[in-house]
Amino acid sequence: MPDIPASLARDGLVRPRYGRVLGGVCAGLGRRFGLDPWPARLLFVLVLMLVPGSQLIVYPILWILMPSED
């Protein structure tokens, strides 16, 4: 069985230690894709508004799976 957090860390998808608002998921996504944290947060909310309630599922799953930065 693959180690998902280790795989995400190898791909550069980690929650930063500083600059978090809640869990650091959006800041980590923004850093991975070359965006500042606030535009990444806005984009995350806008995309997840397409499927109502999906942010209640996606954000906690990413929070659990994305490792914290060392």
PDB file of N, CA and C in Angstrom:
ATOM      1  N   MET A   1       0.848  -1.185   0.000  1.00  0.00           N
ATOM      2  CA  MET A   1       0.000   0.000   0.000  1.00  0.00           C
ATOM      3  C   MET A   1       0.887   1.240   0.000  1.00  0.00           C
ATOM      4  N   PRO A   2       0.633   2.174  -0.901  1.00  0.00           N
ATOM      5  CA  PRO A   2       1.489   3.361  -0.995  1.00  0.00           C
ATOM      6  C   PRO A   2       1.300   4.294   0.208  1.00  0.00           C
ATOM      7  N   ASP A   3       2.373   4.984   0.541  1.00  0.00           N
ATOM      8  CA  ASP A   3       2.335   5.967   1.616  1.00  0.00           C
ATOM      9  C   ASP A   3       1.952   7.317   1.002  1.00  0.00           C
ATOM     10  N   ILE A   4       0.681   7.675   1.094  1.00  0.00           N
ATOM     11  CA  ILE A   4       0.153   8.858   0.411  1.00  0.00           C
ATOM     12  C   ILE A   4       0.821  10.149   0.893  1.00  0.00           C
ATOM     13  N   PRO A   5       0.950  10.401   2.204  1.00  0.00           N
ATOM     14  CA  PRO A   5       1.616  11.641   2.627  1.00  0.00           C
ATOM     15  C   PRO A   5       3.061  11.754   2.122  1.00  0.00           C
ATOM     16  N   ALA A   6       3.788  10.656   2.100  1.00  0.00           N
ATOM     17  CA  ALA A   6       5.164  10.695   1.589  1.00  0.00           C
ATOM     18  C   ALA A   6       5.178  10.987   0.091  1.00  0.00           C
ATOM     19  N   SER A   7       4.216  10.419  -0.620  1.00  0.00           N
ATOM     20  CA  SER A   7       4.111  10.675  -2.058  1.00  0.00           C
ATOM     21  C   SER A   7       3.795  12.145  -2.333  1.00  0.00           C
ATOM     22  N   LEU A   8       2.876  12.719  -1.551  1.00  0.00           N
ATOM     23  CA  LEU A   8       2.546  14.134  -1.719  1.00  0.00           C
ATOM     24  C   LEU A   8       3.748  15.017  -1.389  1.00  0.00           C
ATOM     25  N   ALA A   9       4.494  14.656  -0.361  1.00  0.00           N
ATOM     26  CA  ALA A   9       5.673  15.433   0.013  1.00  0.00           C
ATOM     27  C   ALA A   9       6.717  15.392  -1.093  1.00  0.00           C
ATOM     28  N   ARG A  10       6.899  14.235  -1.722  1.00  0.00           N
ATOM     29  CA  ARG A  10       7.860  14.138  -2.836  1.00  0.00           C
ATOM     30  C   ARG A  10       7.445  15.031  -3.993  1.00  0.00           C
ATOM     31  N   ASP A  11       6.141  15.192  -4.182  1.00  0.00           N
ATOM     32  CA  ASP A  11       5.629  16.039  -5.265  1.00  0.00           C
ATOM     33  C   ASP A  11       5.587  17.509  -4.885  1.00  0.00           C
ATOM     34  N   GLY A  12       6.024  17.843  -3.670  1.00  0.00           N
ATOM     35  CA  GLY A  12       6.067  19.238  -3.237  1.00  0.00           C
ATOM     36  C   GLY A  12       4.758  19.749  -2.666  1.00  0.00           C
ATOM     37  N   LEU A  13       3.866  18.853  -2.329  1.00  0.00           N
ATOM     38  CA  LEU A  13       2.558  19.250  -1.806  1.00  0.00           C
ATOM     39  C   LEU A  13       2.551  19.050  -0.294  1.00  0.00           C
ATOM     40  N   VAL A  14       2.966  20.090   0.428  1.00  0.00           N
ATOM     41  CA  VAL A  14       3.018  20.053   1.895  1.00  0.00           C
ATOM     42  C   VAL A  14       2.339  21.295   2.451  1.00  0.00           C
ATOM     43  N   ARG A  15       1.865  21.185   3.689  1.00  0.00           N
ATOM     44  CA  ARG A  15       1.269  22.331   4.366  1.00  0.00           C
ATOM     45  C   ARG A  15       2.389  23.131   5.015  1.00  0.00           C
ATOM     46  N   PRO A  16       2.529  24.418   4.677  1.00  0.00           N
ATOM     47  CA  PRO A  16       3.629  25.209   5.226  1.00  0.00           C
ATOM     48  C   PRO A  16       3.472  25.439   6.730  1.00  0.00           C
ATOM     49  N   ARG A  17       4.588  25.625   7.384  1.00  0.00           N
ATOM     50  CA  ARG A  17       4.577  25.864   8.827  1.00  0.00           C
ATOM     51  C   ARG A  17       4.063  27.265   9.141  1.00  0.00           C
ATOM     52  N   TYR A  18       4.397  28.234   8.291  1.00  0.00           N
ATOM     53  CA  TYR A  18       3.990  29.627   8.508  1.00  0.00           C
ATOM     54  C   TYR A  18       3.081  30.080   7.375  1.00  0.00           C
ATOM     55  N   GLY A  19       2.171  31.000   7.665  1.00  0.00           N
ATOM     56  CA  GLY A  19       1.262  31.524   6.651  1.00  0.00           C
ATOM     57  C   GLY A  19      -0.041  30.755   6.555  1.00  0.00           C
ATOM     58  N   ARG A  20      -0.279  29.894   7.521  1.00  0.00           N
ATOM     59  CA  ARG A  20      -1.532  29.142   7.535  1.00  0.00           C
ATOM     60  C   ARG A  20      -2.658  30.029   8.043  1.00  0.00           C
ATOM     61  N   VAL A  21      -3.861  29.782   7.549  1.00  0.00           N
ATOM     62  CA  VAL A  21      -5.036  30.442   8.108  1.00  0.00           C
ATOM     63  C   VAL A  21      -5.799  29.420   8.940  1.00  0.00           C
ATOM     64  N   LEU A  22      -6.044  28.259   8.389  1.00  0.00           N
ATOM     65  CA  LEU A  22      -6.723  27.214   9.136  1.00  0.00           C
ATOM     66  C   LEU A  22      -5.772  26.021   9.260  1.00  0.00           C
ATOM     67  N   GLY A  23      -5.666  25.242   8.231  1.00  0.00           N
ATOM     68  CA  GLY A  23      -4.797  24.067   8.283  1.00  0.00           C
ATOM     69  C   GLY A  23      -3.596  24.160   7.366  1.00  0.00           C
ATOM     70  N   GLY A  24      -3.565  25.156   6.501  1.00  0.00           N
ATOM     71  CA  GLY A  24      -2.452  25.312   5.584  1.00  0.00           C
ATOM     72  C   GLY A  24      -2.640  24.618   4.251  1.00  0.00           C
ATOM     73  N   VAL A  25      -3.806  24.062   4.024  1.00  0.00           N
ATOM     74  CA  VAL A  25      -4.053  23.324   2.787  1.00  0.00           C
ATOM     75  C   VAL A  25      -3.968  24.242   1.568  1.00  0.00           C
ATOM     76  N   CYS A  26      -4.675  25.358   1.590  1.00  0.00           N
ATOM     77  CA  CYS A  26      -4.669  26.267   0.438  1.00  0.00           C
ATOM     78  C   CYS A  26      -3.300  26.915   0.240  1.00  0.00           C
ATOM     79  N   ALA A  27      -2.630  27.236   1.331  1.00  0.00           N
ATOM     80  CA  ALA A  27      -1.279  27.802   1.213  1.00  0.00           C
ATOM     81  C   ALA A  27      -0.335  26.781   0.585  1.00  0.00           C
ATOM     82  N   GLY A  28      -0.487  25.520   0.959  1.00  0.00           N
ATOM     83  CA  GLY A  28       0.331  24.459   0.371  1.00  0.00           C
ATOM     84  C   GLY A  28       0.018  24.236  -1.094  1.00  0.00           C
ATOM     85  N   LEU A  29      -1.266  24.256  -1.436  1.00  0.00           N
ATOM     86  CA  LEU A  29      -1.657  24.120  -2.841  1.00  0.00           C
ATOM     87  C   LEU A  29      -1.127  25.289  -3.663  1.00  0.00           C
ATOM     88  N   GLY A  30      -1.256  26.496  -3.100  1.00  0.00           N
ATOM     89  CA  GLY A  30      -0.758  27.676  -3.807  1.00  0.00           C
ATOM     90  C   GLY A  30       0.742  27.610  -4.026  1.00  0.00           C
ATOM     91  N   ARG A  31       1.473  27.219  -3.004  1.00  0.00           N
ATOM     92  CA  ARG A  31       2.930  27.110  -3.125  1.00  0.00           C
ATOM     93  C   ARG A  31       3.303  26.076  -4.185  1.00  0.00           C
ATOM     94  N   ARG A  32       2.605  24.954  -4.196  1.00  0.00           N
ATOM     95  CA  ARG A  32       2.905  23.884  -5.154  1.00  0.00           C
ATOM     96  C   ARG A  32       2.682  24.333  -6.593  1.00  0.00           C
ATOM     97  N   PHE A  33       1.645  25.147  -6.813  1.00  0.00           N
ATOM     98  CA  PHE A  33       1.312  25.560  -8.168  1.00  0.00           C
ATOM     99  C   PHE A  33       1.747  26.985  -8.493  1.00  0.00           C
ATOM    100  N   GLY A  34       2.586  27.582  -7.632  1.00  0.00           N
ATOM    101  CA  GLY A  34       3.179  28.877  -7.920  1.00  0.00           C
ATOM    102  C   GLY A  34       2.261  30.067  -7.698  1.00  0.00           C
ATOM    103  N   LEU A  35       1.317  29.948  -6.780  1.00  0.00           N
ATOM    104  CA  LEU A  35       0.401  31.044  -6.466  1.00  0.00           C
ATOM    105  C   LEU A  35       0.667  31.548  -5.055  1.00  0.00           C
ATOM    106  N   ASP A  36       0.345  32.816  -4.832  1.00  0.00           N
ATOM    107  CA  ASP A  36       0.365  33.338  -3.468  1.00  0.00           C
ATOM    108  C   ASP A  36      -0.782  32.689  -2.696  1.00  0.00           C
ATOM    109  N   PRO A  37      -0.698  32.687  -1.358  1.00  0.00           N
ATOM    110  CA  PRO A  37      -1.741  32.002  -0.578  1.00  0.00           C
ATOM    111  C   PRO A  37      -3.152  32.551  -0.775  1.00  0.00           C
ATOM    112  N   TRP A  38      -3.329  33.874  -0.793  1.00  0.00           N
ATOM    113  CA  TRP A  38      -4.695  34.406  -0.891  1.00  0.00           C
ATOM    114  C   TRP A  38      -5.362  34.122  -2.225  1.00  0.00           C
ATOM    115  N   PRO A  39      -4.694  34.302  -3.359  1.00  0.00           N
ATOM    116  CA  PRO A  39      -5.347  33.889  -4.612  1.00  0.00           C
ATOM    117  C   PRO A  39      -5.631  32.389  -4.652  1.00  0.00           C
ATOM    118  N   ALA A  40      -4.755  31.584  -4.040  1.00  0.00           N
ATOM    119  CA  ALA A  40      -5.000  30.134  -4.000  1.00  0.00           C
ATOM    120  C   ALA A  40      -6.241  29.835  -3.171  1.00  0.00           C
ATOM    121  N   ARG A  41      -6.413  30.537  -2.062  1.00  0.00           N
ATOM    122  CA  ARG A  41      -7.604  30.336  -1.220  1.00  0.00           C
ATOM    123  C   ARG A  41      -8.870  30.723  -1.981  1.00  0.00           C
ATOM    124  N   LEU A  42      -8.817  31.853  -2.654  1.00  0.00           N
ATOM    125  CA  LEU A  42      -9.974  32.315  -3.421  1.00  0.00           C
ATOM    126  C   LEU A  42     -10.309  31.329  -4.536  1.00  0.00           C
ATOM    127  N   LEU A  43      -9.303  30.867  -5.242  1.00  0.00           N
ATOM    128  CA  LEU A  43      -9.515  29.911  -6.319  1.00  0.00           C
ATOM    129  C   LEU A  43     -10.083  28.602  -5.775  1.00  0.00           C
ATOM    130  N   PHE A  44      -9.567  28.143  -4.639  1.00  0.00           N
ATOM    131  CA  PHE A  44     -10.061  26.922  -4.000  1.00  0.00           C
ATOM    132  C   PHE A  44     -11.555  27.050  -3.686  1.00  0.00           C
ATOM    133  N   VAL A  45     -11.944  28.166  -3.103  1.00  0.00           N
ATOM    134  CA  VAL A  45     -13.353  28.377  -2.750  1.00  0.00           C
ATOM    135  C   VAL A  45     -14.214  28.480  -4.009  1.00  0.00           C
ATOM    136  N   LEU A  46     -13.742  29.200  -5.014  1.00  0.00           N
ATOM    137  CA  LEU A  46     -14.535  29.351  -6.247  1.00  0.00           C
ATOM    138  C   LEU A  46     -14.721  28.016  -6.965  1.00  0.00           C
ATOM    139  N   VAL A  47     -13.670  27.218  -7.022  1.00  0.00           N
ATOM    140  CA  VAL A  47     -13.779  25.920  -7.691  1.00  0.00           C
ATOM    141  C   VAL A  47     -14.710  24.994  -6.923  1.00  0.00           C
ATOM    142  N   LEU A  48     -14.597  24.988  -5.604  1.00  0.00           N
ATOM    143  CA  LEU A  48     -15.427  24.086  -4.813  1.00  0.00           C
ATOM    144  C   LEU A  48     -16.879  24.546  -4.713  1.00  0.00           C
ATOM    145  N   MET A  49     -17.153  25.794  -5.081  1.00  0.00           N
ATOM    146  CA  MET A  49     -18.543  26.266  -5.098  1.00  0.00           C
ATOM    147  C   MET A  49     -19.329  25.631  -6.240  1.00  0.00           C
ATOM    148  N   LEU A  50     -18.626  25.061  -7.204  1.00  0.00           N
ATOM    149  CA  LEU A  50     -19.310  24.400  -8.310  1.00  0.00           C
ATOM    150  C   LEU A  50     -20.074  23.172  -7.832  1.00  0.00           C
ATOM    151  N   VAL A  51     -19.559  22.536  -6.792  1.00  0.00           N
ATOM    152  CA  VAL A  51     -20.223  21.368  -6.212  1.00  0.00           C
ATOM    153  C   VAL A  51     -20.505  21.702  -4.753  1.00  0.00           C
ATOM    154  N   PRO A  52     -21.703  22.149  -4.422  1.00  0.00           N
ATOM    155  CA  PRO A  52     -22.002  22.569  -3.049  1.00  0.00           C
ATOM    156  C   PRO A  52     -21.722  21.468  -2.025  1.00  0.00           C
ATOM    157  N   GLY A  53     -21.057  21.865  -0.947  1.00  0.00           N
ATOM    158  CA  GLY A  53     -20.733  20.932   0.120  1.00  0.00           C
ATOM    159  C   GLY A  53     -19.448  20.180  -0.069  1.00  0.00           C
ATOM    160  N   SER A  54     -18.863  20.253  -1.263  1.00  0.00           N
ATOM    161  CA  SER A  54     -17.643  19.489  -1.526  1.00  0.00           C
ATOM    162  C   SER A  54     -16.473  19.963  -0.677  1.00  0.00           C
ATOM    163  N   GLN A  55     -16.452  21.259  -0.322  1.00  0.00           N
ATOM    164  CA  GLN A  55     -15.354  21.757   0.504  1.00  0.00           C
ATOM    165  C   GLN A  55     -15.377  21.132   1.895  1.00  0.00           C
ATOM    166  N   LEU A  56     -16.542  20.695   2.339  1.00  0.00           N
ATOM    167  CA  LEU A  56     -16.639  20.025   3.638  1.00  0.00           C
ATOM    168  C   LEU A  56     -16.018  18.637   3.604  1.00  0.00           C
ATOM    169  N   ILE A  57     -15.834  18.103   2.414  1.00  0.00           N
ATOM    170  CA  ILE A  57     -15.216  16.788   2.256  1.00  0.00           C
ATOM    171  C   ILE A  57     -13.758  16.928   1.819  1.00  0.00           C
ATOM    172  N   VAL A  58     -13.495  17.764   0.823  1.00  0.00           N
ATOM    173  CA  VAL A  58     -12.166  17.860   0.225  1.00  0.00           C
ATOM    174  C   VAL A  58     -11.157  18.469   1.184  1.00  0.00           C
ATOM    175  N   TYR A  59     -11.490  19.581   1.839  1.00  0.00           N
ATOM    176  CA  TYR A  59     -10.518  20.267   2.693  1.00  0.00           C
ATOM    177  C   TYR A  59     -10.036  19.380   3.844  1.00  0.00           C
ATOM    178  N   PRO A  60     -10.935  18.741   4.611  1.00  0.00           N
ATOM    179  CA  PRO A  60     -10.434  17.882   5.695  1.00  0.00           C
ATOM    180  C   PRO A  60      -9.609  16.694   5.203  1.00  0.00           C
ATOM    181  N   ILE A  61      -9.983  16.134   4.049  1.00  0.00           N
ATOM    182  CA  ILE A  61      -9.202  15.012   3.505  1.00  0.00           C
ATOM    183  C   ILE A  61      -7.802  15.481   3.150  1.00  0.00           C
ATOM    184  N   LEU A  62      -7.698  16.635   2.491  1.00  0.00           N
ATOM    185  CA  LEU A  62      -6.375  17.166   2.166  1.00  0.00           C
ATOM    186  C   LEU A  62      -5.594  17.521   3.430  1.00  0.00           C
ATOM    187  N   TRP A  63      -6.275  18.036   4.434  1.00  0.00           N
ATOM    188  CA  TRP A  63      -5.629  18.401   5.697  1.00  0.00           C
ATOM    189  C   TRP A  63      -5.003  17.155   6.336  1.00  0.00           C
ATOM    190  N   ILE A  64      -5.697  16.039   6.262  1.00  0.00           N
ATOM    191  CA  ILE A  64      -5.185  14.794   6.836  1.00  0.00           C
ATOM    192  C   ILE A  64      -4.056  14.211   5.986  1.00  0.00           C
ATOM    193  N   LEU A  65      -4.222  14.232   4.676  1.00  0.00           N
ATOM    194  CA  LEU A  65      -3.250  13.577   3.787  1.00  0.00           C
ATOM    195  C   LEU A  65      -1.987  14.390   3.538  1.00  0.00           C
ATOM    196  N   MET A  66      -2.103  15.721   3.489  1.00  0.00           N
ATOM    197  CA  MET A  66      -0.932  16.553   3.198  1.00  0.00           C
ATOM    198  C   MET A  66      -0.050  16.641   4.436  1.00  0.00           C
ATOM    199  N   PRO A  67       1.214  16.246   4.309  1.00  0.00           N
ATOM    200  CA  PRO A  67       2.101  16.332   5.476  1.00  0.00           C
ATOM    201  C   PRO A  67       2.462  17.784   5.777  1.00  0.00           C
ATOM    202  N   SER A  68       2.750  18.036   7.035  1.00  0.00           N
ATOM    203  CA  SER A  68       3.193  19.355   7.444  1.00  0.00           C
ATOM    204  C   SER A  68       4.663  19.526   7.089  1.00  0.00           C
ATOM    205  N   GLU A  69       5.028  20.735   6.751  1.00  0.00           N
ATOM    206  CA  GLU A  69       6.411  21.041   6.406  1.00  0.00           C
ATOM    207  C   GLU A  69       7.299  20.836   7.643  1.00  0.00           C
ATOM    208  N   ASP A  70       8.460  20.282   7.424  1.00  0.00           N
ATOM    209  CA  ASP A  70       9.394  20.052   8.548  1.00  0.00           C
ATOM    210  C   ASP A  70       9.946  21.325   9.103  1.00  0.00           C
TER     211      ASP A  70
END
